[in-house]
Each structure stands twice: as structure tokens, then as C-alpha cells.
Amino acid sequence: MVFFIAESVAWHTPVSMALPWIGAGLLFVFMAVVPWRWQMTGGLLLMIIGSSGGVAYSIWSPPQLPLVSRVLTTVVFSAPPLAAGILFLMHRRALTAKV
């Protein structure tokens, strides 16, 4: 977040252009903090964010991009939150199975 804000200041990016990206960054910071406290909720939210991010990019990706670029970018956007969500849910299940 600090790097993005500093880069926006250095490049004299208008605030109206930077605010949506800062909001997205804060959303991902929030999504990193929630699973530490509530593993089940955080895991489900990470899976929803990963799935919706992948679907949104595949719908609104630039049409001039080759198919391979679109598929790889969609995977890069959606796989990390999906994997993190699955891992949090698996960890939660392992903890409840021990009790």
C-alpha cells in the first residue's frame, strides 16, 4: 500500500484515479487480516474474492489480448485467494477434528 501511494504521489496521479486502487488494496489488506481472527469466515471470503475476481477479469479483460494471456492472468488473479481460502478452511477442519 505504501509503495502504491508513494508511486501515485511521485507520478502526480489525480486522487480520483488513485482512490479505486487504494480501495482495492485496503480490501485485500482487510481480507488478509480477517482469517487470522475468524478462520471459517475468512476462508469463505477469500474463496469468494478469488472466484469473483477471476470471473470479473475474464468478463472485462481487454478483447485484444490473446486467449493464453487472458487465461494466465485470470489464474494469477484468482488462484492465490482461492488457495488461501481453501487452506484456511482445511486448517479449521483439522482443528475441529482434533477436539
PDB file of N, CA and C in Angstrom:
ATOM      1  N   MET A   1       0.824  -1.186   0.000  1.00  0.00           N
ATOM      2  CA  MET A   1       0.000   0.000   0.000  1.00  0.00           C
ATOM      3  C   MET A   1       0.869   1.250   0.000  1.00  0.00           C
ATOM      4  N   VAL A   2       1.907   1.245   0.826  1.00  0.00           N
ATOM      5  CA  VAL A   2       2.764   2.425   0.913  1.00  0.00           C
ATOM      6  C   VAL A   2       3.428   2.681  -0.430  1.00  0.00           C
ATOM      7  N   PHE A   3       3.880   1.616  -1.097  1.00  0.00           N
ATOM      8  CA  PHE A   3       4.517   1.782  -2.398  1.00  0.00           C
ATOM      9  C   PHE A   3       3.544   2.382  -3.400  1.00  0.00           C
ATOM     10  N   PHE A   4       2.306   1.894  -3.423  1.00  0.00           N
ATOM     11  CA  PHE A   4       1.337   2.408  -4.385  1.00  0.00           C
ATOM     12  C   PHE A   4       1.031   3.873  -4.128  1.00  0.00           C
ATOM     13  N   ILE A   5       0.857   4.245  -2.878  1.00  0.00           N
ATOM     14  CA  ILE A   5       0.555   5.641  -2.553  1.00  0.00           C
ATOM     15  C   ILE A   5       1.748   6.531  -2.910  1.00  0.00           C
ATOM     16  N   ALA A   6       2.959   6.065  -2.583  1.00  0.00           N
ATOM     17  CA  ALA A   6       4.151   6.852  -2.918  1.00  0.00           C
ATOM     18  C   ALA A   6       4.317   6.988  -4.433  1.00  0.00           C
ATOM     19  N   GLU A   7       4.045   5.927  -5.158  1.00  0.00           N
ATOM     20  CA  GLU A   7       4.138   5.987  -6.613  1.00  0.00           C
ATOM     21  C   GLU A   7       3.099   6.940  -7.185  1.00  0.00           C
ATOM     22  N   SER A   8       1.893   6.931  -6.629  1.00  0.00           N
ATOM     23  CA  SER A   8       0.851   7.847  -7.096  1.00  0.00           C
ATOM     24  C   SER A   8       1.247   9.293  -6.855  1.00  0.00           C
ATOM     25  N   VAL A   9       1.867   9.555  -5.723  1.00  0.00           N
ATOM     26  CA  VAL A   9       2.324  10.916  -5.428  1.00  0.00           C
ATOM     27  C   VAL A   9       3.459  11.307  -6.360  1.00  0.00           C
ATOM     28  N   ALA A  10       4.399  10.395  -6.583  1.00  0.00           N
ATOM     29  CA  ALA A  10       5.552  10.699  -7.434  1.00  0.00           C
ATOM     30  C   ALA A  10       5.140  10.955  -8.882  1.00  0.00           C
ATOM     31  N   TRP A  11       4.146  10.227  -9.368  1.00  0.00           N
ATOM     32  CA  TRP A  11       3.701  10.386 -10.754  1.00  0.00           C
ATOM     33  C   TRP A  11       2.593  11.431 -10.878  1.00  0.00           C
ATOM     34  N   HIS A  12       2.234  12.080  -9.776  1.00  0.00           N
ATOM     35  CA  HIS A  12       1.196  13.107  -9.759  1.00  0.00           C
ATOM     36  C   HIS A  12      -0.136  12.571 -10.300  1.00  0.00           C
ATOM     37  N   THR A  13      -0.480  11.368  -9.845  1.00  0.00           N
ATOM     38  CA  THR A  13      -1.742  10.750 -10.243  1.00  0.00           C
ATOM     39  C   THR A  13      -2.888  11.480  -9.565  1.00  0.00           C
ATOM     40  N   PRO A  14      -3.926  11.845 -10.320  1.00  0.00           N
ATOM     41  CA  PRO A  14      -5.078  12.502  -9.679  1.00  0.00           C
ATOM     42  C   PRO A  14      -5.706  11.590  -8.629  1.00  0.00           C
ATOM     43  N   VAL A  15      -6.197  12.189  -7.575  1.00  0.00           N
ATOM     44  CA  VAL A  15      -6.787  11.428  -6.475  1.00  0.00           C
ATOM     45  C   VAL A  15      -7.966  10.593  -6.961  1.00  0.00           C
ATOM     46  N   SER A  16      -8.750  11.138  -7.878  1.00  0.00           N
ATOM     47  CA  SER A  16      -9.914  10.396  -8.376  1.00  0.00           C
ATOM     48  C   SER A  16      -9.502   9.123  -9.118  1.00  0.00           C
ATOM     49  N   MET A  17      -8.300   9.106  -9.675  1.00  0.00           N
ATOM     50  CA  MET A  17      -7.809   7.894 -10.352  1.00  0.00           C
ATOM     51  C   MET A  17      -7.199   6.913  -9.353  1.00  0.00           C
ATOM     52  N   ALA A  18      -6.627   7.416  -8.273  1.00  0.00           N
ATOM     53  CA  ALA A  18      -5.931   6.561  -7.315  1.00  0.00           C
ATOM     54  C   ALA A  18      -6.871   5.937  -6.287  1.00  0.00           C
ATOM     55  N   LEU A  19      -7.972   6.592  -5.956  1.00  0.00           N
ATOM     56  CA  LEU A  19      -8.857   6.099  -4.903  1.00  0.00           C
ATOM     57  C   LEU A  19      -9.416   4.691  -5.142  1.00  0.00           C
ATOM     58  N   PRO A  20      -9.867   4.344  -6.356  1.00  0.00           N
ATOM     59  CA  PRO A  20     -10.345   2.965  -6.530  1.00  0.00           C
ATOM     60  C   PRO A  20      -9.264   1.919  -6.276  1.00  0.00           C
ATOM     61  N   TRP A  21      -8.027   2.218  -6.667  1.00  0.00           N
ATOM     62  CA  TRP A  21      -6.941   1.266  -6.461  1.00  0.00           C
ATOM     63  C   TRP A  21      -6.544   1.197  -4.995  1.00  0.00           C
ATOM     64  N   ILE A  22      -6.592   2.322  -4.301  1.00  0.00           N
ATOM     65  CA  ILE A  22      -6.321   2.309  -2.865  1.00  0.00           C
ATOM     66  C   ILE A  22      -7.415   1.524  -2.150  1.00  0.00           C
ATOM     67  N   GLY A  23      -8.664   1.702  -2.576  1.00  0.00           N
ATOM     68  CA  GLY A  23      -9.769   0.929  -2.002  1.00  0.00           C
ATOM     69  C   GLY A  23      -9.589  -0.565  -2.217  1.00  0.00           C
ATOM     70  N   ALA A  24      -9.160  -0.949  -3.413  1.00  0.00           N
ATOM     71  CA  ALA A  24      -8.918  -2.368  -3.688  1.00  0.00           C
ATOM     72  C   ALA A  24      -7.783  -2.898  -2.820  1.00  0.00           C
ATOM     73  N   GLY A  25      -6.747  -2.105  -2.651  1.00  0.00           N
ATOM     74  CA  GLY A  25      -5.632  -2.518  -1.795  1.00  0.00           C
ATOM     75  C   GLY A  25      -6.060  -2.679  -0.349  1.00  0.00           C
ATOM     76  N   LEU A  26      -6.874  -1.747   0.143  1.00  0.00           N
ATOM     77  CA  LEU A  26      -7.373  -1.854   1.514  1.00  0.00           C
ATOM     78  C   LEU A  26      -8.290  -3.062   1.680  1.00  0.00           C
ATOM     79  N   LEU A  27      -9.048  -3.394   0.626  1.00  0.00           N
ATOM     80  CA  LEU A  27      -9.885  -4.595   0.674  1.00  0.00           C
ATOM     81  C   LEU A  27      -9.022  -5.839   0.865  1.00  0.00           C
ATOM     82  N   PHE A  28      -7.910  -5.911   0.138  1.00  0.00           N
ATOM     83  CA  PHE A  28      -7.044  -7.082   0.263  1.00  0.00           C
ATOM     84  C   PHE A  28      -6.307  -7.101   1.598  1.00  0.00           C
ATOM     85  N   VAL A  29      -5.982  -5.943   2.148  1.00  0.00           N
ATOM     86  CA  VAL A  29      -5.405  -5.916   3.498  1.00  0.00           C
ATOM     87  C   VAL A  29      -6.439  -6.437   4.493  1.00  0.00           C
ATOM     88  N   PHE A  30      -7.672  -5.986   4.364  1.00  0.00           N
ATOM     89  CA  PHE A  30      -8.761  -6.469   5.217  1.00  0.00           C
ATOM     90  C   PHE A  30      -8.931  -7.978   5.063  1.00  0.00           C
ATOM     91  N   MET A  31      -8.846  -8.463   3.826  1.00  0.00           N
ATOM     92  CA  MET A  31      -9.021  -9.887   3.569  1.00  0.00           C
ATOM     93  C   MET A  31      -7.851 -10.711   4.093  1.00  0.00           C
ATOM     94  N   ALA A  32      -6.722 -10.083   4.330  1.00  0.00           N
ATOM     95  CA  ALA A  32      -5.600 -10.801   4.932  1.00  0.00           C
ATOM     96  C   ALA A  32      -5.717 -10.843   6.452  1.00  0.00           C
ATOM     97  N   VAL A  33      -6.397  -9.858   7.038  1.00  0.00           N
ATOM     98  CA  VAL A  33      -6.498  -9.773   8.492  1.00  0.00           C
ATOM     99  C   VAL A  33      -7.665 -10.610   9.025  1.00  0.00           C
ATOM    100  N   VAL A  34      -8.769 -10.648   8.322  1.00  0.00           N
ATOM    101  CA  VAL A  34      -9.972 -11.347   8.800  1.00  0.00           C
ATOM    102  C   VAL A  34      -9.716 -12.833   9.096  1.00  0.00           C
ATOM    103  N   PRO A  35      -9.040 -13.588   8.218  1.00  0.00           N
ATOM    104  CA  PRO A  35      -8.861 -15.020   8.512  1.00  0.00           C
ATOM    105  C   PRO A  35      -8.034 -15.304   9.761  1.00  0.00           C
ATOM    106  N   TRP A  36      -7.186 -14.391  10.171  1.00  0.00           N
ATOM    107  CA  TRP A  36      -6.425 -14.632  11.395  1.00  0.00           C
ATOM    108  C   TRP A  36      -7.340 -14.713  12.600  1.00  0.00           C
ATOM    109  N   ARG A  37      -8.415 -13.957  12.588  1.00  0.00           N
ATOM    110  CA  ARG A  37      -9.334 -13.939  13.732  1.00  0.00           C
ATOM    111  C   ARG A  37     -10.451 -14.966  13.554  1.00  0.00           C
ATOM    112  N   TRP A  38     -11.053 -15.004  12.387  1.00  0.00           N
ATOM    113  CA  TRP A  38     -12.170 -15.900  12.097  1.00  0.00           C
ATOM    114  C   TRP A  38     -11.804 -16.736  10.877  1.00  0.00           C
ATOM    115  N   GLN A  39     -11.316 -17.946  11.115  1.00  0.00           N
ATOM    116  CA  GLN A  39     -10.803 -18.762  10.016  1.00  0.00           C
ATOM    117  C   GLN A  39     -11.879 -19.192   9.038  1.00  0.00           C
ATOM    118  N   MET A  40     -13.016 -19.588   9.523  1.00  0.00           N
ATOM    119  CA  MET A  40     -14.086 -20.058   8.636  1.00  0.00           C
ATOM    120  C   MET A  40     -14.602 -18.908   7.763  1.00  0.00           C
ATOM    121  N   THR A  41     -14.930 -17.796   8.390  1.00  0.00           N
ATOM    122  CA  THR A  41     -15.432 -16.641   7.650  1.00  0.00           C
ATOM    123  C   THR A  41     -14.379 -16.120   6.687  1.00  0.00           C
ATOM    124  N   GLY A  42     -13.153 -16.000   7.173  1.00  0.00           N
ATOM    125  CA  GLY A  42     -12.076 -15.504   6.320  1.00  0.00           C
ATOM    126  C   GLY A  42     -11.798 -16.422   5.145  1.00  0.00           C
ATOM    127  N   GLY A  43     -11.814 -17.728   5.384  1.00  0.00           N
ATOM    128  CA  GLY A  43     -11.600 -18.680   4.300  1.00  0.00           C
ATOM    129  C   GLY A  43     -12.684 -18.591   3.234  1.00  0.00           C
ATOM    130  N   LEU A  44     -13.931 -18.494   3.684  1.00  0.00           N
ATOM    131  CA  LEU A  44     -15.028 -18.361   2.718  1.00  0.00           C
ATOM    132  C   LEU A  44     -14.942 -17.038   1.946  1.00  0.00           C
ATOM    133  N   LEU A  45     -14.613 -15.947   2.652  1.00  0.00           N
ATOM    134  CA  LEU A  45     -14.478 -14.660   1.976  1.00  0.00           C
ATOM    135  C   LEU A  45     -13.338 -14.669   0.966  1.00  0.00           C
ATOM    136  N   LEU A  46     -12.220 -15.292   1.321  1.00  0.00           N
ATOM    137  CA  LEU A  46     -11.109 -15.385   0.369  1.00  0.00           C
ATOM    138  C   LEU A  46     -11.511 -16.183  -0.872  1.00  0.00           C
ATOM    139  N   MET A  47     -12.262 -17.255  -0.672  1.00  0.00           N
ATOM    140  CA  MET A  47     -12.710 -18.034  -1.827  1.00  0.00           C
ATOM    141  C   MET A  47     -13.684 -17.238  -2.687  1.00  0.00           C
ATOM    142  N   ILE A  48     -14.561 -16.464  -2.062  1.00  0.00           N
ATOM    143  CA  ILE A  48     -15.498 -15.636  -2.828  1.00  0.00           C
ATOM    144  C   ILE A  48     -14.750 -14.556  -3.595  1.00  0.00           C
ATOM    145  N   ILE A  49     -13.785 -13.900  -2.942  1.00  0.00           N
ATOM    146  CA  ILE A  49     -12.999 -12.851  -3.604  1.00  0.00           C
ATOM    147  C   ILE A  49     -12.210 -13.436  -4.769  1.00  0.00           C
ATOM    148  N   GLY A  50     -11.582 -14.591  -4.559  1.00  0.00           N
ATOM    149  CA  GLY A  50     -10.821 -15.219  -5.640  1.00  0.00           C
ATOM    150  C   GLY A  50     -11.693 -15.598  -6.817  1.00  0.00           C
ATOM    151  N   SER A  51     -12.843 -16.192  -6.527  1.00  0.00           N
ATOM    152  CA  SER A  51     -13.747 -16.596  -7.608  1.00  0.00           C
ATOM    153  C   SER A  51     -14.306 -15.387  -8.346  1.00  0.00           C
ATOM    154  N   SER A  52     -14.773 -14.403  -7.597  1.00  0.00           N
ATOM    155  CA  SER A  52     -15.358 -13.234  -8.256  1.00  0.00           C
ATOM    156  C   SER A  52     -14.301 -12.409  -8.989  1.00  0.00           C
ATOM    157  N   GLY A  53     -13.086 -12.365  -8.464  1.00  0.00           N
ATOM    158  CA  GLY A  53     -12.013 -11.662  -9.174  1.00  0.00           C
ATOM    159  C   GLY A  53     -11.677 -12.328 -10.499  1.00  0.00           C
ATOM    160  N   GLY A  54     -11.622 -13.653 -10.495  1.00  0.00           N
ATOM    161  CA  GLY A  54     -11.359 -14.374 -11.735  1.00  0.00           C
ATOM    162  C   GLY A  54     -12.476 -14.209 -12.751  1.00  0.00           C
ATOM    163  N   VAL A  55     -13.716 -14.295 -12.290  1.00  0.00           N
ATOM    164  CA  VAL A  55     -14.856 -14.124 -13.195  1.00  0.00           C
ATOM    165  C   VAL A  55     -14.903 -12.696 -13.733  1.00  0.00           C
ATOM    166  N   ALA A  56     -14.683 -11.713 -12.843  1.00  0.00           N
ATOM    167  CA  ALA A  56     -14.721 -10.315 -13.283  1.00  0.00           C
ATOM    168  C   ALA A  56     -13.637 -10.032 -14.314  1.00  0.00           C
ATOM    169  N   TYR A  57     -12.431 -10.546 -14.097  1.00  0.00           N
ATOM    170  CA  TYR A  57     -11.378 -10.291 -15.073  1.00  0.00           C
ATOM    171  C   TYR A  57     -11.670 -10.997 -16.394  1.00  0.00           C
ATOM    172  N   SER A  58     -12.189 -12.206 -16.335  1.00  0.00           N
ATOM    173  CA  SER A  58     -12.467 -12.905 -17.588  1.00  0.00           C
ATOM    174  C   SER A  58     -13.586 -12.222 -18.372  1.00  0.00           C
ATOM    175  N   ILE A  59     -14.509 -11.559 -17.685  1.00  0.00           N
ATOM    176  CA  ILE A  59     -15.573 -10.832 -18.378  1.00  0.00           C
ATOM    177  C   ILE A  59     -15.051  -9.512 -18.959  1.00  0.00           C
ATOM    178  N   TRP A  60     -14.286  -8.766 -18.149  1.00  0.00           N
ATOM    179  CA  TRP A  60     -13.873  -7.426 -18.560  1.00  0.00           C
ATOM    180  C   TRP A  60     -12.434  -7.330 -19.041  1.00  0.00           C
ATOM    181  N   SER A  61     -11.817  -8.453 -19.367  1.00  0.00           N
ATOM    182  CA  SER A  61     -10.442  -8.390 -19.875  1.00  0.00           C
ATOM    183  C   SER A  61     -10.433  -7.753 -21.267  1.00  0.00           C
ATOM    184  N   PRO A  62      -9.337  -7.098 -21.609  1.00  0.00           N
ATOM    185  CA  PRO A  62      -9.267  -6.476 -22.935  1.00  0.00           C
ATOM    186  C   PRO A  62      -9.442  -7.510 -24.047  1.00  0.00           C
ATOM    187  N   PRO A  63     -10.323  -7.266 -24.996  1.00  0.00           N
ATOM    188  CA  PRO A  63     -10.609  -8.271 -26.023  1.00  0.00           C
ATOM    189  C   PRO A  63      -9.435  -8.527 -26.973  1.00  0.00           C
ATOM    190  N   GLN A  64      -8.499  -7.583 -27.078  1.00  0.00           N
ATOM    191  CA  GLN A  64      -7.386  -7.774 -27.994  1.00  0.00           C
ATOM    192  C   GLN A  64      -6.297  -8.685 -27.420  1.00  0.00           C
ATOM    193  N   LEU A  65      -6.398  -9.068 -26.152  1.00  0.00           N
ATOM    194  CA  LEU A  65      -5.416  -9.976 -25.559  1.00  0.00           C
ATOM    195  C   LEU A  65      -5.589 -11.377 -26.119  1.00  0.00           C
ATOM    196  N   PRO A  66      -4.485 -12.080 -26.349  1.00  0.00           N
ATOM    197  CA  PRO A  66      -4.607 -13.478 -26.765  1.00  0.00           C
ATOM    198  C   PRO A  66      -5.240 -14.320 -25.653  1.00  0.00           C
ATOM    199  N   LEU A  67      -5.838 -15.418 -26.039  1.00  0.00           N
ATOM    200  CA  LEU A  67      -6.534 -16.285 -25.093  1.00  0.00           C
ATOM    201  C   LEU A  67      -5.597 -16.774 -23.991  1.00  0.00           C
ATOM    202  N   VAL A  68      -4.378 -17.127 -24.353  1.00  0.00           N
ATOM    203  CA  VAL A  68      -3.420 -17.624 -23.356  1.00  0.00           C
ATOM    204  C   VAL A  68      -3.138 -16.557 -22.305  1.00  0.00           C
ATOM    205  N   SER A  69      -2.995 -15.311 -22.721  1.00  0.00           N
ATOM    206  CA  SER A  69      -2.742 -14.223 -21.771  1.00  0.00           C
ATOM    207  C   SER A  69      -3.931 -14.021 -20.845  1.00  0.00           C
ATOM    208  N   ARG A  70      -5.117 -14.103 -21.386  1.00  0.00           N
ATOM    209  CA  ARG A  70      -6.314 -13.954 -20.554  1.00  0.00           C
ATOM    210  C   ARG A  70      -6.428 -15.067 -19.526  1.00  0.00           C
ATOM    211  N   VAL A  71      -6.180 -16.297 -19.950  1.00  0.00           N
ATOM    212  CA  VAL A  71      -6.282 -17.439 -19.038  1.00  0.00           C
ATOM    213  C   VAL A  71      -5.220 -17.339 -17.945  1.00  0.00           C
ATOM    214  N   LEU A  72      -3.985 -17.044 -18.325  1.00  0.00           N
ATOM    215  CA  LEU A  72      -2.920 -16.947 -17.325  1.00  0.00           C
ATOM    216  C   LEU A  72      -3.164 -15.807 -16.341  1.00  0.00           C
ATOM    217  N   THR A  73      -3.610 -14.667 -16.831  1.00  0.00           N
ATOM    218  CA  THR A  73      -3.880 -13.543 -15.939  1.00  0.00           C
ATOM    219  C   THR A  73      -5.050 -13.856 -15.008  1.00  0.00           C
ATOM    220  N   THR A  74      -6.058 -14.514 -15.518  1.00  0.00           N
ATOM    221  CA  THR A  74      -7.185 -14.907 -14.676  1.00  0.00           C
ATOM    222  C   THR A  74      -6.721 -15.854 -13.571  1.00  0.00           C
ATOM    223  N   VAL A  75      -5.872 -16.802 -13.909  1.00  0.00           N
ATOM    224  CA  VAL A  75      -5.347 -17.735 -12.907  1.00  0.00           C
ATOM    225  C   VAL A  75      -4.492 -17.000 -11.884  1.00  0.00           C
ATOM    226  N   VAL A  76      -3.663 -16.068 -12.350  1.00  0.00           N
ATOM    227  CA  VAL A  76      -2.801 -15.318 -11.428  1.00  0.00           C
ATOM    228  C   VAL A  76      -3.630 -14.463 -10.481  1.00  0.00           C
ATOM    229  N   PHE A  77      -4.734 -13.899 -10.960  1.00  0.00           N
ATOM    230  CA  PHE A  77      -5.592 -13.079 -10.104  1.00  0.00           C
ATOM    231  C   PHE A  77      -6.402 -13.917  -9.114  1.00  0.00           C
ATOM    232  N   SER A  78      -6.899 -15.065  -9.558  1.00  0.00           N
ATOM    233  CA  SER A  78      -7.856 -15.792  -8.729  1.00  0.00           C
ATOM    234  C   SER A  78      -7.247 -16.924  -7.905  1.00  0.00           C
ATOM    235  N   ALA A  79      -6.156 -17.515  -8.331  1.00  0.00           N
ATOM    236  CA  ALA A  79      -5.609 -18.687  -7.632  1.00  0.00           C
ATOM    237  C   ALA A  79      -5.097 -18.389  -6.220  1.00  0.00           C
ATOM    238  N   PRO A  80      -4.334 -17.313  -5.983  1.00  0.00           N
ATOM    239  CA  PRO A  80      -3.838 -17.106  -4.606  1.00  0.00           C
ATOM    240  C   PRO A  80      -4.937 -16.941  -3.558  1.00  0.00           C
ATOM    241  N   PRO A  81      -5.971 -16.091  -3.778  1.00  0.00           N
ATOM    242  CA  PRO A  81      -7.014 -16.034  -2.749  1.00  0.00           C
ATOM    243  C   PRO A  81      -7.796 -17.339  -2.617  1.00  0.00           C
ATOM    244  N   LEU A  82      -8.021 -18.031  -3.729  1.00  0.00           N
ATOM    245  CA  LEU A  82      -8.720 -19.323  -3.648  1.00  0.00           C
ATOM    246  C   LEU A  82      -7.912 -20.325  -2.841  1.00  0.00           C
ATOM    247  N   ALA A  83      -6.616 -20.416  -3.113  1.00  0.00           N
ATOM    248  CA  ALA A  83      -5.765 -21.357  -2.387  1.00  0.00           C
ATOM    249  C   ALA A  83      -5.696 -21.001  -0.906  1.00  0.00           C
ATOM    250  N   ALA A  84      -5.567 -19.717  -0.603  1.00  0.00           N
ATOM    251  CA  ALA A  84      -5.518 -19.297   0.796  1.00  0.00           C
ATOM    252  C   ALA A  84      -6.830 -19.619   1.505  1.00  0.00           C
ATOM    253  N   GLY A  85      -7.946 -19.388   0.848  1.00  0.00           N
ATOM    254  CA  GLY A  85      -9.242 -19.709   1.447  1.00  0.00           C
ATOM    255  C   GLY A  85      -9.394 -21.192   1.709  1.00  0.00           C
ATOM    256  N   ILE A  86      -8.981 -22.001   0.759  1.00  0.00           N
ATOM    257  CA  ILE A  86      -9.062 -23.457   0.935  1.00  0.00           C
ATOM    258  C   ILE A  86      -8.175 -23.905   2.092  1.00  0.00           C
ATOM    259  N   LEU A  87      -6.973 -23.333   2.176  1.00  0.00           N
ATOM    260  CA  LEU A  87      -6.071 -23.703   3.269  1.00  0.00           C
ATOM    261  C   LEU A  87      -6.634 -23.305   4.633  1.00  0.00           C
ATOM    262  N   PHE A  88      -7.249 -22.133   4.726  1.00  0.00           N
ATOM    263  CA  PHE A  88      -7.858 -21.734   5.995  1.00  0.00           C
ATOM    264  C   PHE A  88      -8.999 -22.666   6.373  1.00  0.00           C
ATOM    265  N   LEU A  89      -9.795 -23.064   5.397  1.00  0.00           N
ATOM    266  CA  LEU A  89     -10.901 -23.979   5.697  1.00  0.00           C
ATOM    267  C   LEU A  89     -10.387 -25.365   6.089  1.00  0.00           C
ATOM    268  N   MET A  90      -9.318 -25.824   5.427  1.00  0.00           N
ATOM    269  CA  MET A  90      -8.734 -27.113   5.782  1.00  0.00           C
ATOM    270  C   MET A  90      -8.131 -27.065   7.184  1.00  0.00           C
ATOM    271  N   HIS A  91      -7.503 -25.967   7.531  1.00  0.00           N
ATOM    272  CA  HIS A  91      -6.914 -25.818   8.860  1.00  0.00           C
ATOM    273  C   HIS A  91      -8.013 -25.819   9.922  1.00  0.00           C
ATOM    274  N   ARG A  92      -9.083 -25.121   9.626  1.00  0.00           N
ATOM    275  CA  ARG A  92     -10.214 -25.069  10.559  1.00  0.00           C
ATOM    276  C   ARG A  92     -10.782 -26.473  10.775  1.00  0.00           C
ATOM    277  N   ARG A  93     -10.908 -27.235   9.698  1.00  0.00           N
ATOM    278  CA  ARG A  93     -11.443 -28.588   9.798  1.00  0.00           C
ATOM    279  C   ARG A  93     -10.498 -29.490  10.601  1.00  0.00           C
ATOM    280  N   ALA A  94      -9.185 -29.320  10.403  1.00  0.00           N
ATOM    281  CA  ALA A  94      -8.204 -30.120  11.148  1.00  0.00           C
ATOM    282  C   ALA A  94      -8.247 -29.796  12.640  1.00  0.00           C
ATOM    283  N   LEU A  95      -8.449 -28.521  12.972  1.00  0.00           N
ATOM    284  CA  LEU A  95      -8.527 -28.134  14.387  1.00  0.00           C
ATOM    285  C   LEU A  95      -9.775 -28.701  15.049  1.00  0.00           C
ATOM    286  N   THR A  96     -10.900 -28.658  14.351  1.00  0.00           N
ATOM    287  CA  THR A  96     -12.143 -29.160  14.950  1.00  0.00           C
ATOM    288  C   THR A  96     -12.145 -30.682  15.028  1.00  0.00           C
ATOM    289  N   ALA A  97     -11.397 -31.358  14.149  1.00  0.00           N
ATOM    290  CA  ALA A  97     -11.348 -32.824  14.176  1.00  0.00           C
ATOM    291  C   ALA A  97     -10.532 -33.328  15.376  1.00  0.00           C
ATOM    292  N   LYS A  98      -9.562 -32.532  15.834  1.00  0.00           N
ATOM    293  CA  LYS A  98      -8.729 -32.940  16.967  1.00  0.00           C
ATOM    294  C   LYS A  98      -9.487 -32.876  18.279  1.00  0.00           C
ATOM    295  N   VAL A  99     -10.463 -32.014  18.363  1.00  0.00           N
ATOM    296  CA  VAL A  99     -11.177 -31.822  19.631  1.00  0.00           C
ATOM    297  C   VAL A  99     -12.140 -32.898  19.895  1.00  0.00           C
TER     298      VAL A  99
END
